[in-house]
C-alpha atoms as a PDB file:
ATOM      1  CA  MET A   1      98.870  88.707  89.852  1.00  0.00           C
ATOM      2  CA  LEU A   2     100.453  89.136  93.667  1.00  0.00           C
ATOM      3  CA  LYS A   3      98.994  91.204  96.276  1.00  0.00           C
ATOM      4  CA  ILE A   4     100.356  93.316  98.409  1.00  0.00           C
ATOM      5  CA  ASP A   5      98.589  94.777 101.813  1.00  0.00           C
ATOM      6  CA  SER A   6     100.169  97.637 102.954  1.00  0.00           C
ATOM      7  CA  HIS A   7      97.836  98.429 105.814  1.00  0.00           C
ATOM      8  CA  THR A   8      96.936  96.150 108.001  1.00  0.00           C
ATOM      9  CA  HIS A   9      96.773  95.774 112.258  1.00  0.00           C
ATOM     10  CA  ILE A  10      98.189  92.953 114.693  1.00  0.00           C
ATOM     11  CA  LEU A  11      99.032  92.236 117.603  1.00  0.00           C
ATOM     12  CA  PRO A  12     100.171  89.264 119.806  1.00  0.00           C
ATOM     13  CA  LYS A  13      98.396  87.123 122.106  1.00  0.00           C
ATOM     14  CA  LYS A  14      99.668  87.912 125.332  1.00  0.00           C
ATOM     15  CA  MET A  15     100.988  90.930 125.893  1.00  0.00           C
ATOM     16  CA  PRO A  16     102.015  92.336 130.053  1.00  0.00           C
ATOM     17  CA  ASN A  17      99.129  94.142 131.815  1.00  0.00           C
ATOM     18  CA  TRP A  18     101.420  97.357 131.157  1.00  0.00           C
ATOM     19  CA  SER A  19      99.427  99.697 133.909  1.00  0.00           C
ATOM     20  CA  GLU A  20     100.581  97.056 136.263  1.00  0.00           C
ATOM     21  CA  LYS A  21     104.341  96.471 135.225  1.00  0.00           C
ATOM     22  CA  PHE A  22     104.601 100.516 135.011  1.00  0.00           C
ATOM     23  CA  GLY A  23     102.596 101.151 137.863  1.00  0.00           C
ATOM     24  CA  TYR A  24     100.519 103.598 136.680  1.00  0.00           C
ATOM     25  CA  GLY A  25      97.685 104.512 133.407  1.00  0.00           C
ATOM     26  CA  ASP A  26      95.315 103.010 130.799  1.00  0.00           C
ATOM     27  CA  PHE A  27      97.618 101.000 129.014  1.00  0.00           C
ATOM     28  CA  ILE A  28      96.078  98.475 126.461  1.00  0.00           C
ATOM     29  CA  TYR A  29      96.091  94.991 127.391  1.00  0.00           C
ATOM     30  CA  LEU A  30      94.132  92.308 126.554  1.00  0.00           C
ATOM     31  CA  GLN A  31      91.444  90.003 128.368  1.00  0.00           C
ATOM     32  CA  HIS A  32      90.762  86.539 126.469  1.00  0.00           C
ATOM     33  CA  HIS A  33      87.389  85.862 128.014  1.00  0.00           C
ATOM     34  CA  LYS A  34      86.074  83.522 125.444  1.00  0.00           C
ATOM     35  CA  ARG A  35      87.517  81.295 122.545  1.00  0.00           C
ATOM     36  CA  GLY A  36      88.427  83.299 119.737  1.00  0.00           C
ATOM     37  CA  PHE A  37      87.905  86.906 121.017  1.00  0.00           C
ATOM     38  CA  ALA A  38      89.714  89.264 123.507  1.00  0.00           C
ATOM     39  CA  LYS A  39      88.437  92.531 124.786  1.00  0.00           C
ATOM     40  CA  MET A  40      90.752  95.206 124.922  1.00  0.00           C
ATOM     41  CA  MET A  41      91.088  96.965 127.994  1.00  0.00           C
ATOM     42  CA  ARG A  42      92.254 100.461 128.726  1.00  0.00           C
ATOM     43  CA  GLY A  43      93.370  99.993 132.336  1.00  0.00           C
ATOM     44  CA  ASN A  44      90.350  98.988 133.410  1.00  0.00           C
ATOM     45  CA  GLN A  45      87.684 100.046 131.009  1.00  0.00           C
ATOM     46  CA  PHE A  46      86.747  98.472 127.806  1.00  0.00           C
ATOM     47  CA  PHE A  47      87.349  99.920 125.025  1.00  0.00           C
ATOM     48  CA  ARG A  48      87.137  97.416 122.121  1.00  0.00           C
ATOM     49  CA  GLU A  49      86.330  93.604 121.352  1.00  0.00           C
ATOM     50  CA  ILE A  50      88.777  92.413 118.850  1.00  0.00           C
ATOM     51  CA  GLU A  51      88.653  88.212 117.297  1.00  0.00           C
ATOM     52  CA  GLU A  52      91.041  85.830 116.808  1.00  0.00           C
ATOM     53  CA  ASN A  53      92.487  86.994 113.233  1.00  0.00           C
ATOM     54  CA  CYS A  54      93.959  90.156 115.478  1.00  0.00           C
ATOM     55  CA  TRP A  55      96.639  88.380 116.431  1.00  0.00           C
ATOM     56  CA  ASN A  56      96.360  84.242 114.936  1.00  0.00           C
ATOM     57  CA  ALA A  57      98.971  84.632 112.340  1.00  0.00           C
ATOM     58  CA  ASP A  58      98.115  81.600 110.629  1.00  0.00           C
ATOM     59  CA  LEU A  59      94.459  82.010 110.322  1.00  0.00           C
ATOM     60  CA  ARG A  60      94.908  85.676 108.965  1.00  0.00           C
ATOM     61  CA  ILE A  61      97.080  83.930 105.991  1.00  0.00           C
ATOM     62  CA  ASP A  62      94.025  81.487 105.350  1.00  0.00           C
ATOM     63  CA  GLU A  63      91.982  84.437 105.469  1.00  0.00           C
ATOM     64  CA  TYR A  64      93.700  86.585 103.152  1.00  0.00           C
ATOM     65  CA  GLU A  65      93.889  83.257 100.507  1.00  0.00           C
ATOM     66  CA  THR A  66      90.066  83.450 100.045  1.00  0.00           C
ATOM     67  CA  HIS A  67      90.818  87.002  98.181  1.00  0.00           C
ATOM     68  CA  HIS A  68      94.000  86.164  96.832  1.00  0.00           C
ATOM     69  CA  THR A  69      96.089  88.241  98.714  1.00  0.00           C
ATOM     70  CA  LYS A  70      99.230  87.127  99.642  1.00  0.00           C
ATOM     71  CA  VAL A  71     101.432  89.717 101.630  1.00  0.00           C
ATOM     72  CA  GLN A  72     100.543  91.650 104.358  1.00  0.00           C
ATOM     73  CA  VAL A  73     102.106  94.623 105.811  1.00  0.00           C
ATOM     74  CA  VAL A  74     101.543  94.751 109.353  1.00  0.00           C
ATOM     75  CA  CYS A  75     101.841  97.321 112.427  1.00  0.00           C
ATOM     76  CA  THR A  76     100.307  97.656 115.666  1.00  0.00           C
ATOM     77  CA  ILE A  77      97.004  99.343 116.574  1.00  0.00           C
ATOM     78  CA  PRO A  78      97.223 102.735 117.150  1.00  0.00           C
ATOM     79  CA  VAL A  79      95.913 102.930 120.443  1.00  0.00           C
ATOM     80  CA  MET A  80      99.234 101.220 121.434  1.00  0.00           C
ATOM     81  CA  PHE A  81     101.223 104.264 120.673  1.00  0.00           C
ATOM     82  CA  SER A  82     101.230 105.124 124.010  1.00  0.00           C
ATOM     83  CA  TYR A  83     102.967 108.655 123.490  1.00  0.00           C
ATOM     84  CA  TRP A  84     101.817 109.833 126.958  1.00  0.00           C
ATOM     85  CA  ALA A  85     103.082 107.107 128.965  1.00  0.00           C
ATOM     86  CA  LYS A  86     107.052 108.123 130.276  1.00  0.00           C
ATOM     87  CA  PRO A  87     109.176 107.428 127.493  1.00  0.00           C
ATOM     88  CA  MET A  88     111.416 104.675 128.769  1.00  0.00           C
ATOM     89  CA  ASP A  89     108.221 102.751 129.218  1.00  0.00           C
ATOM     90  CA  THR A  90     106.675 103.520 125.552  1.00  0.00           C
ATOM     91  CA  LEU A  91     110.505 102.029 124.784  1.00  0.00           C
ATOM     92  CA  SER A  92     109.623  99.322 127.043  1.00  0.00           C
ATOM     93  CA  LEU A  93     106.053  98.530 125.080  1.00  0.00           C
ATOM     94  CA  SER A  94     107.974  99.370 121.769  1.00  0.00           C
ATOM     95  CA  LYS A  95     110.537  96.321 121.691  1.00  0.00           C
ATOM     96  CA  TYR A  96     108.254  94.140 122.998  1.00  0.00           C
ATOM     97  CA  LEU A  97     105.571  94.598 119.884  1.00  0.00           C
ATOM     98  CA  ASN A  98     108.539  95.377 117.106  1.00  0.00           C
ATOM     99  CA  ASP A  99     109.992  92.068 118.464  1.00  0.00           C
ATOM    100  CA  HIS A 100     106.953  90.225 117.984  1.00  0.00           C
ATOM    101  CA  LEU A 101     106.250  91.498 114.576  1.00  0.00           C
ATOM    102  CA  ALA A 102     110.344  90.652 113.667  1.00  0.00           C
ATOM    103  CA  ARG A 103     109.337  87.276 114.887  1.00  0.00           C
ATOM    104  CA  LEU A 104     106.833  87.154 112.835  1.00  0.00           C
ATOM    105  CA  VAL A 105     108.489  88.580 110.075  1.00  0.00           C
ATOM    106  CA  GLU A 106     111.205  85.547 110.557  1.00  0.00           C
ATOM    107  CA  LYS A 107     108.637  82.853 110.438  1.00  0.00           C
ATOM    108  CA  TYR A 108     106.422  84.016 107.455  1.00  0.00           C
ATOM    109  CA  PRO A 109     108.639  85.946 105.249  1.00  0.00           C
ATOM    110  CA  LYS A 110     106.748  85.520 102.087  1.00  0.00           C
ATOM    111  CA  ASN A 111     103.883  86.458 104.043  1.00  0.00           C
ATOM    112  CA  TYR A 112     105.065  89.555 106.750  1.00  0.00           C
ATOM    113  CA  VAL A 113     106.823  92.538 106.700  1.00  0.00           C
ATOM    114  CA  GLY A 114     106.625  94.752 109.541  1.00  0.00           C
ATOM    115  CA  LEU A 115     106.057  97.993 110.388  1.00  0.00           C
ATOM    116  CA  GLY A 116     107.541  99.042 113.576  1.00  0.00           C
ATOM    117  CA  THR A 117     106.650 101.313 116.914  1.00  0.00           C
ATOM    118  CA  LEU A 118     109.118 103.773 118.435  1.00  0.00           C
ATOM    119  CA  PRO A 119     108.884 106.500 121.245  1.00  0.00           C
ATOM    120  CA  MET A 120     107.791 109.055 119.627  1.00  0.00           C
ATOM    121  CA  GLN A 121     108.267 111.687 122.537  1.00  0.00           C
ATOM    122  CA  ASP A 122     111.763 110.995 123.081  1.00  0.00           C
ATOM    123  CA  THR A 123     113.623 111.844 119.844  1.00  0.00           C
ATOM    124  CA  GLU A 124     116.904 110.141 120.996  1.00  0.00           C
ATOM    125  CA  LEU A 125     115.404 106.970 122.408  1.00  0.00           C
ATOM    126  CA  ALA A 126     112.996 107.080 119.278  1.00  0.00           C
ATOM    127  CA  ILE A 127     116.019 107.151 117.384  1.00  0.00           C
ATOM    128  CA  GLN A 128     117.535 104.458 119.080  1.00  0.00           C
ATOM    129  CA  GLU A 129     114.418 101.650 118.902  1.00  0.00           C
ATOM    130  CA  LEU A 130     113.917 102.890 114.980  1.00  0.00           C
ATOM    131  CA  THR A 131     117.988 101.464 114.315  1.00  0.00           C
ATOM    132  CA  ARG A 132     116.974  98.560 116.334  1.00  0.00           C
ATOM    133  CA  CYS A 133     113.963  97.993 113.893  1.00  0.00           C
ATOM    134  CA  LYS A 134     115.996  98.232 110.630  1.00  0.00           C
ATOM    135  CA  LYS A 135     118.994  95.559 112.704  1.00  0.00           C
ATOM    136  CA  ILE A 136     115.579  93.214 113.745  1.00  0.00           C
ATOM    137  CA  GLY A 137     114.540  92.383 110.096  1.00  0.00           C
ATOM    138  CA  LEU A 138     111.314  95.700 109.899  1.00  0.00           C
ATOM    139  CA  HIS A 139     111.120  97.988 106.750  1.00  0.00           C
ATOM    140  CA  GLY A 140     110.029 100.868 108.340  1.00  0.00           C
ATOM    141  CA  ILE A 141     107.661 102.101 110.998  1.00  0.00           C
ATOM    142  CA  GLN A 142     103.615 103.784 111.731  1.00  0.00           C
ATOM    143  CA  ILE A 143     103.544 106.576 113.506  1.00  0.00           C
ATOM    144  CA  GLY A 144     100.731 108.851 114.409  1.00  0.00           C
ATOM    145  CA  SER A 145      99.512 111.941 112.472  1.00  0.00           C
ATOM    146  CA  ASN A 146     100.075 113.515 115.510  1.00  0.00           C
ATOM    147  CA  ILE A 147     102.614 112.811 118.724  1.00  0.00           C
ATOM    148  CA  ASN A 148     100.655 114.280 121.936  1.00  0.00           C
ATOM    149  CA  ASP A 149      99.492 117.094 119.839  1.00  0.00           C
ATOM    150  CA  GLU A 150     102.184 118.526 117.931  1.00  0.00           C
ATOM    151  CA  ASN A 151     102.193 118.195 114.421  1.00  0.00           C
ATOM    152  CA  LEU A 152     104.893 116.296 112.508  1.00  0.00           C
ATOM    153  CA  ASN A 153     106.472 119.198 111.704  1.00  0.00           C
ATOM    154  CA  GLU A 154     108.197 120.193 114.890  1.00  0.00           C
ATOM    155  CA  GLU A 155     112.049 120.215 114.447  1.00  0.00           C
ATOM    156  CA  ARG A 156     112.228 117.705 117.626  1.00  0.00           C
ATOM    157  CA  PHE A 157     110.830 114.941 115.313  1.00  0.00           C
ATOM    158  CA  PHE A 158     113.123 115.893 112.297  1.00  0.00           C
ATOM    159  CA  PRO A 159     115.678 113.845 113.209  1.00  0.00           C
ATOM    160  CA  ILE A 160     113.506 111.102 113.529  1.00  0.00           C
ATOM    161  CA  PHE A 161     112.388 111.526 110.091  1.00  0.00           C
ATOM    162  CA  GLU A 162     116.246 112.415 109.097  1.00  0.00           C
ATOM    163  CA  ALA A 163     117.436 108.918 110.332  1.00  0.00           C
ATOM    164  CA  CYS A 164     114.517 107.184 108.482  1.00  0.00           C
ATOM    165  CA  GLU A 165     116.040 108.698 105.417  1.00  0.00           C
ATOM    166  CA  LYS A 166     119.581 107.519 106.189  1.00  0.00           C
ATOM    167  CA  LEU A 167     118.178 104.104 107.055  1.00  0.00           C
ATOM    168  CA  SER A 168     115.769 103.666 104.213  1.00  0.00           C
ATOM    169  CA  MET A 169     113.115 102.974 106.753  1.00  0.00           C
ATOM    170  CA  ALA A 170     109.710 103.394 105.362  1.00  0.00           C
ATOM    171  CA  VAL A 171     107.200 105.549 107.188  1.00  0.00           C
ATOM    172  CA  MET A 172     103.215 104.822 107.485  1.00  0.00           C
ATOM    173  CA  VAL A 173     101.410 108.186 108.926  1.00  0.00           C
ATOM    174  CA  HIS A 174      97.899 106.578 110.589  1.00  0.00           C
ATOM    175  CA  PRO A 175      95.903 109.113 112.676  1.00  0.00           C
ATOM    176  CA  TRP A 176      95.024 108.797 116.111  1.00  0.00           C
ATOM    177  CA  ASN A 177      93.935 111.189 118.608  1.00  0.00           C
ATOM    178  CA  MET A 178      91.710 112.757 116.774  1.00  0.00           C
ATOM    179  CA  MET A 179      91.504 116.794 117.211  1.00  0.00           C
ATOM    180  CA  GLY A 180      87.918 117.230 118.640  1.00  0.00           C
ATOM    181  CA  GLU A 181      87.447 114.034 119.648  1.00  0.00           C
ATOM    182  CA  LYS A 182      85.911 114.921 123.100  1.00  0.00           C
ATOM    183  CA  ASN A 183      83.256 117.121 121.325  1.00  0.00           C
ATOM    184  CA  MET A 184      81.656 114.940 119.009  1.00  0.00           C
ATOM    185  CA  THR A 185      81.845 111.674 120.669  1.00  0.00           C
ATOM    186  CA  ARG A 186      78.125 110.332 119.121  1.00  0.00           C
ATOM    187  CA  TYR A 187      77.364 108.879 115.303  1.00  0.00           C
ATOM    188  CA  TRP A 188      81.542 107.559 115.622  1.00  0.00           C
ATOM    189  CA  LEU A 189      82.335 111.197 114.402  1.00  0.00           C
ATOM    190  CA  PRO A 190      85.906 111.005 115.962  1.00  0.00           C
ATOM    191  CA  TRP A 191      86.397 107.584 113.346  1.00  0.00           C
ATOM    192  CA  LEU A 192      84.159 109.322 110.141  1.00  0.00           C
ATOM    193  CA  VAL A 193      85.319 112.809 110.292  1.00  0.00           C
ATOM    194  CA  GLY A 194      88.029 113.162 112.594  1.00  0.00           C
ATOM    195  CA  MET A 195      90.137 110.881 110.775  1.00  0.00           C
ATOM    196  CA  PRO A 196      90.532 111.909 107.837  1.00  0.00           C
ATOM    197  CA  ALA A 197      91.219 115.600 108.843  1.00  0.00           C
ATOM    198  CA  GLU A 198      93.766 114.043 111.226  1.00  0.00           C
ATOM    199  CA  THR A 199      95.486 112.649 108.239  1.00  0.00           C
ATOM    200  CA  ALA A 200      94.989 116.133 106.146  1.00  0.00           C
ATOM    201  CA  ARG A 201      96.567 117.450 109.040  1.00  0.00           C
ATOM    202  CA  ALA A 202      99.525 115.546 109.291  1.00  0.00           C
ATOM    203  CA  VAL A 203     100.609 115.946 105.311  1.00  0.00           C
ATOM    204  CA  CYS A 204      99.649 119.576 105.108  1.00  0.00           C
ATOM    205  CA  SER A 205     102.124 119.906 108.555  1.00  0.00           C
ATOM    206  CA  MET A 206     104.800 117.909 106.796  1.00  0.00           C
ATOM    207  CA  ILE A 207     104.738 119.803 103.383  1.00  0.00           C
ATOM    208  CA  PHE A 208     104.218 123.048 104.922  1.00  0.00           C
ATOM    209  CA  GLY A 209     106.876 122.613 107.670  1.00  0.00           C
ATOM    210  CA  GLY A 210     109.696 122.029 105.065  1.00  0.00           C
ATOM    211  CA  VAL A 211     110.184 117.727 106.053  1.00  0.00           C
ATOM    212  CA  PHE A 212     109.484 116.781 102.331  1.00  0.00           C
ATOM    213  CA  GLU A 213     111.570 120.013 100.641  1.00  0.00           C
ATOM    214  CA  ARG A 214     114.169 118.851 103.386  1.00  0.00           C
ATOM    215  CA  LEU A 215     114.385 115.120 103.260  1.00  0.00           C
ATOM    216  CA  PRO A 216     113.633 114.260  98.959  1.00  0.00           C
ATOM    217  CA  LYS A 217     113.985 110.722  99.799  1.00  0.00           C
ATOM    218  CA  LEU A 218     111.880 109.812 102.473  1.00  0.00           C
ATOM    219  CA  ARG A 219     109.388 107.556 102.007  1.00  0.00           C
ATOM    220  CA  VAL A 220     105.968 107.834 103.859  1.00  0.00           C
ATOM    221  CA  MET A 221     102.659 106.923 103.384  1.00  0.00           C
ATOM    222  CA  PHE A 222      99.237 108.380 104.526  1.00  0.00           C
ATOM    223  CA  ALA A 223      96.347 105.901 105.625  1.00  0.00           C
ATOM    224  CA  HIS A 224      93.283 106.187 103.917  1.00  0.00           C
ATOM    225  CA  ALA A 225      94.231 107.589 101.154  1.00  0.00           C
ATOM    226  CA  GLY A 226      95.799 110.337 102.653  1.00  0.00           C
ATOM    227  CA  GLY A 227      92.262 111.205 104.702  1.00  0.00           C
ATOM    228  CA  SER A 228      90.953 114.317 103.382  1.00  0.00           C
ATOM    229  CA  PHE A 229      94.047 116.846 101.955  1.00  0.00           C
ATOM    230  CA  LEU A 230      93.567 115.183  98.252  1.00  0.00           C
ATOM    231  CA  PHE A 231      89.813 115.973  98.801  1.00  0.00           C
ATOM    232  CA  THR A 232      90.765 119.573  99.919  1.00  0.00           C
ATOM    233  CA  LEU A 233      93.718 120.740  97.972  1.00  0.00           C
ATOM    234  CA  GLY A 234      92.089 123.390  96.086  1.00  0.00           C
ATOM    235  CA  ARG A 235      91.394 124.593  98.727  1.00  0.00           C
ATOM    236  CA  ILE A 236      94.829 124.403 100.474  1.00  0.00           C
ATOM    237  CA  ARG A 237      96.646 125.523  97.248  1.00  0.00           C
ATOM    238  CA  HIS A 238      93.665 128.496  97.322  1.00  0.00           C
ATOM    239  CA  GLY A 239      95.317 129.508 101.134  1.00  0.00           C
ATOM    240  CA  PHE A 240      98.706 129.318 100.231  1.00  0.00           C
ATOM    241  CA  GLU A 241      98.887 131.674  97.421  1.00  0.00           C
ATOM    242  CA  CYS A 242      95.694 133.764  98.799  1.00  0.00           C
ATOM    243  CA  ARG A 243      97.695 133.839 102.469  1.00  0.00           C
ATOM    244  CA  PRO A 244     101.649 133.215 102.167  1.00  0.00           C
ATOM    245  CA  ASP A 245     102.286 135.723 104.937  1.00  0.00           C
ATOM    246  CA  LEU A 246     100.391 132.613 107.233  1.00  0.00           C
ATOM    247  CA  VAL A 247     100.172 129.543 105.037  1.00  0.00           C
ATOM    248  CA  ALA A 248     103.931 129.925 103.633  1.00  0.00           C
ATOM    249  CA  ILE A 249     106.251 131.046 106.585  1.00  0.00           C
ATOM    250  CA  ASP A 250     108.116 127.554 106.329  1.00  0.00           C
ATOM    251  CA  ASN A 251     108.460 126.485 103.391  1.00  0.00           C
ATOM    252  CA  PRO A 252     107.305 128.857 100.144  1.00  0.00           C
ATOM    253  CA  VAL A 253     107.199 126.082  97.649  1.00  0.00           C
ATOM    254  CA  ASP A 254     103.442 124.933  95.929  1.00  0.00           C
ATOM    255  CA  PRO A 255     101.886 121.700  97.858  1.00  0.00           C
ATOM    256  CA  GLU A 256     101.046 120.627  94.307  1.00  0.00           C
ATOM    257  CA  LYS A 257     105.122 120.196  93.665  1.00  0.00           C
ATOM    258  CA  TYR A 258     104.827 117.403  96.344  1.00  0.00           C
ATOM    259  CA  LEU A 259     102.106 115.225  94.917  1.00  0.00           C
ATOM    260  CA  GLY A 260     104.086 111.877  93.909  1.00  0.00           C
ATOM    261  CA  GLN A 261     106.775 112.341  96.433  1.00  0.00           C
ATOM    262  CA  PHE A 262     104.687 110.469  98.911  1.00  0.00           C
ATOM    263  CA  TRP A 263     102.321 107.676  98.854  1.00  0.00           C
ATOM    264  CA  VAL A 264      98.092 107.078  99.880  1.00  0.00           C
ATOM    265  CA  ASP A 265      97.083 103.649 100.252  1.00  0.00           C
ATOM    266  CA  SER A 266      93.549 102.765  97.991  1.00  0.00           C
ATOM    267  CA  ILE A 267      91.149 102.304 101.440  1.00  0.00           C
ATOM    268  CA  THR A 268      88.202 105.171  99.641  1.00  0.00           C
ATOM    269  CA  HIS A 269      85.633 102.321  99.687  1.00  0.00           C
ATOM    270  CA  ASP A 270      84.445 104.332  96.517  1.00  0.00           C
ATOM    271  CA  LEU A 271      85.824 104.047  92.813  1.00  0.00           C
ATOM    272  CA  PRO A 272      85.273 107.272  91.562  1.00  0.00           C
ATOM    273  CA  MET A 273      87.238 108.369  94.701  1.00  0.00           C
ATOM    274  CA  LEU A 274      89.933 106.262  94.048  1.00  0.00           C
ATOM    275  CA  GLU A 275      89.997 107.272  90.621  1.00  0.00           C
ATOM    276  CA  TYR A 276      90.742 111.324  91.077  1.00  0.00           C
ATOM    277  CA  VAL A 277      93.174 110.197  94.326  1.00  0.00           C
ATOM    278  CA  ILE A 278      95.193 108.446  91.324  1.00  0.00           C
ATOM    279  CA  SER A 279      94.795 111.512  89.045  1.00  0.00           C
ATOM    280  CA  LYS A 280      96.462 113.311  91.468  1.00  0.00           C
ATOM    281  CA  VAL A 281      99.710 111.130  93.014  1.00  0.00           C
ATOM    282  CA  GLY A 282      99.696 108.459  89.740  1.00  0.00           C
ATOM    283  CA  SER A 283      98.725 104.726  90.406  1.00  0.00           C
ATOM    284  CA  LYS A 284     102.964 104.165  91.506  1.00  0.00           C
ATOM    285  CA  ARG A 285     101.594 106.441  94.730  1.00  0.00           C
ATOM    286  CA  VAL A 286      98.789 104.869  95.733  1.00  0.00           C
ATOM    287  CA  THR A 287      99.209 100.725  97.581  1.00  0.00           C
ATOM    288  CA  LEU A 288      96.235  98.501  98.229  1.00  0.00           C
ATOM    289  CA  GLY A 289      95.787  99.048 101.726  1.00  0.00           C
ATOM    290  CA  SER A 290      92.583  97.192 103.836  1.00  0.00           C
ATOM    291  CA  ASP A 291      93.446  98.760 107.451  1.00  0.00           C
ATOM    292  CA  TYR A 292      92.428  94.717 108.361  1.00  0.00           C
ATOM    293  CA  PRO A 293      90.695  93.510 110.396  1.00  0.00           C
ATOM    294  CA  PHE A 294      88.635  96.260 111.413  1.00  0.00           C
ATOM    295  CA  PRO A 295      85.446  96.583 109.908  1.00  0.00           C
ATOM    296  CA  LEU A 296      85.535 100.264 108.658  1.00  0.00           C
ATOM    297  CA  GLY A 297      88.425  99.168 106.391  1.00  0.00           C
ATOM    298  CA  ASP A 298      88.555  97.352 102.897  1.00  0.00           C
ATOM    299  CA  LEU A 299      87.718  94.128 104.296  1.00  0.00           C
ATOM    300  CA  GLN A 300      87.502  92.611 100.802  1.00  0.00           C
ATOM    301  CA  ILE A 301      90.716  93.421 100.017  1.00  0.00           C
ATOM    302  CA  GLY A 302      90.591  95.751  96.718  1.00  0.00           C
ATOM    303  CA  LYS A 303      87.468  93.429  95.616  1.00  0.00           C
ATOM    304  CA  PHE A 304      86.390  97.187  94.270  1.00  0.00           C
ATOM    305  CA  ILE A 305      89.611  97.799  92.906  1.00  0.00           C
ATOM    306  CA  GLU A 306      89.964  94.194  90.914  1.00  0.00           C
ATOM    307  CA  GLU A 307      86.158  94.808  89.775  1.00  0.00           C
ATOM    308  CA  SER A 308      86.485  98.172  87.812  1.00  0.00           C
ATOM    309  CA  GLY A 309      87.306  98.768  84.580  1.00  0.00           C
ATOM    310  CA  LEU A 310      90.408 100.360  85.616  1.00  0.00           C
ATOM    311  CA  PRO A 311      93.498  99.388  83.285  1.00  0.00           C
ATOM    312  CA  LYS A 312      95.473  96.002  84.184  1.00  0.00           C
ATOM    313  CA  LYS A 313      98.850  98.413  84.586  1.00  0.00           C
ATOM    314  CA  THR A 314      96.843 100.836  87.022  1.00  0.00           C
ATOM    315  CA  LYS A 315      96.301  97.527  88.968  1.00  0.00           C
ATOM    316  CA  GLU A 316      99.589  95.943  89.220  1.00  0.00           C
ATOM    317  CA  ASP A 317     100.834  99.282  90.481  1.00  0.00           C
ATOM    318  CA  ILE A 318      97.957  99.526  93.232  1.00  0.00           C
ATOM    319  CA  PHE A 319      98.367  95.559  93.948  1.00  0.00           C
ATOM    320  CA  VAL A 320     101.923  95.373  94.488  1.00  0.00           C
ATOM    321  CA  ASN A 321     104.337  97.896  92.664  1.00  0.00           C
ATOM    322  CA  ALA A 322     103.589 100.753  94.631  1.00  0.00           C
ATOM    323  CA  THR A 323     103.916  99.376  97.561  1.00  0.00           C
ATOM    324  CA  LEU A 324     107.513  97.673  96.657  1.00  0.00           C
ATOM    325  CA  GLU A 325     108.856 100.871  95.595  1.00  0.00           C
ATOM    326  CA  TRP A 326     107.674 102.277  98.864  1.00  0.00           C
ATOM    327  CA  LEU A 327     109.390  99.524 101.142  1.00  0.00           C
ATOM    328  CA  GLN A 328     112.352  99.231  98.756  1.00  0.00           C
ATOM    329  CA  LEU A 329     111.608  95.835  98.504  1.00  0.00           C
ATOM    330  CA  PRO A 330     112.306  93.140  95.272  1.00  0.00           C
ATOM    331  CA  LYS A 331     109.284  91.638  94.049  1.00  0.00           C
ATOM    332  CA  LYS A 332     111.302  88.117  94.470  1.00  0.00           C
ATOM    333  CA  ARG A 333     111.021  87.771  98.375  1.00  0.00           C
ATOM    334  CA  PHE A 334     107.230  87.080  97.653  1.00  0.00           C
ATOM    335  CA  GLN A 335     107.702  84.419  94.597  1.00  0.00           C
END
């Protein structure tokens, strides 16, 4: 069975020191300090150490073979978004990252599909780069769960989503810039608690803000099984029903109506939770995801799904069909 990992991250091996190039800011760049490893530096501060599988395309293909997975949907690491920077500088950085993805896809068309990044803080520039992403062979974009603390339903972002629908570009929403991060640094809580909440924030914003209602053909996938959204849907619906004066002010449609209109990935790390997700959105809306190569991801690439008692058709939907539909790609491309 063909397997497509819909949620993986990659960087170019070499990048400029953006802070030096632009003359300000704590942009991420790489220090290759020892063989097979690099330090991600945020300005002059150490951010994270990454291994070679974060940039070596051939190594990644070999590692994925051990998990019987052929195709990787690749996008940048959210810390690279740089929405806080001057728009033209973020555009320059985005072009660098997107060109790297385009070259990767061109070289390995049966192994990689690319999702670009945009300067979301500037609508005109974002649409300009979105259009270019389409031309250079990328099939969608990855965006953050908020843009400099602004929710995704803000009207200035709507033309970007409208352009995605018009250009048939898929959208992946990934949590970042987690709410409350500065107040819960201990125990890795921004990643364990903040990320699921951020994704739920994004889903609710797009539902209650009427984005899905206005753009029914927009194809959006939310990372990490939609975060805490599906698991708190009962509370969300109850709030919609009991306080429409607070919740239904921009869109009077029951949020449950949109289940099945968007996709989520399979990263639950827990089979009963995945079964619950499937019961809510259906197997055709759950894509195999790993968050590779980061340790909080499912680095066995769906082994818990493979070994489960889920029906073969359900597994096939998760492993391949859902992602193909989200990206609007034919299976024959990878055969």
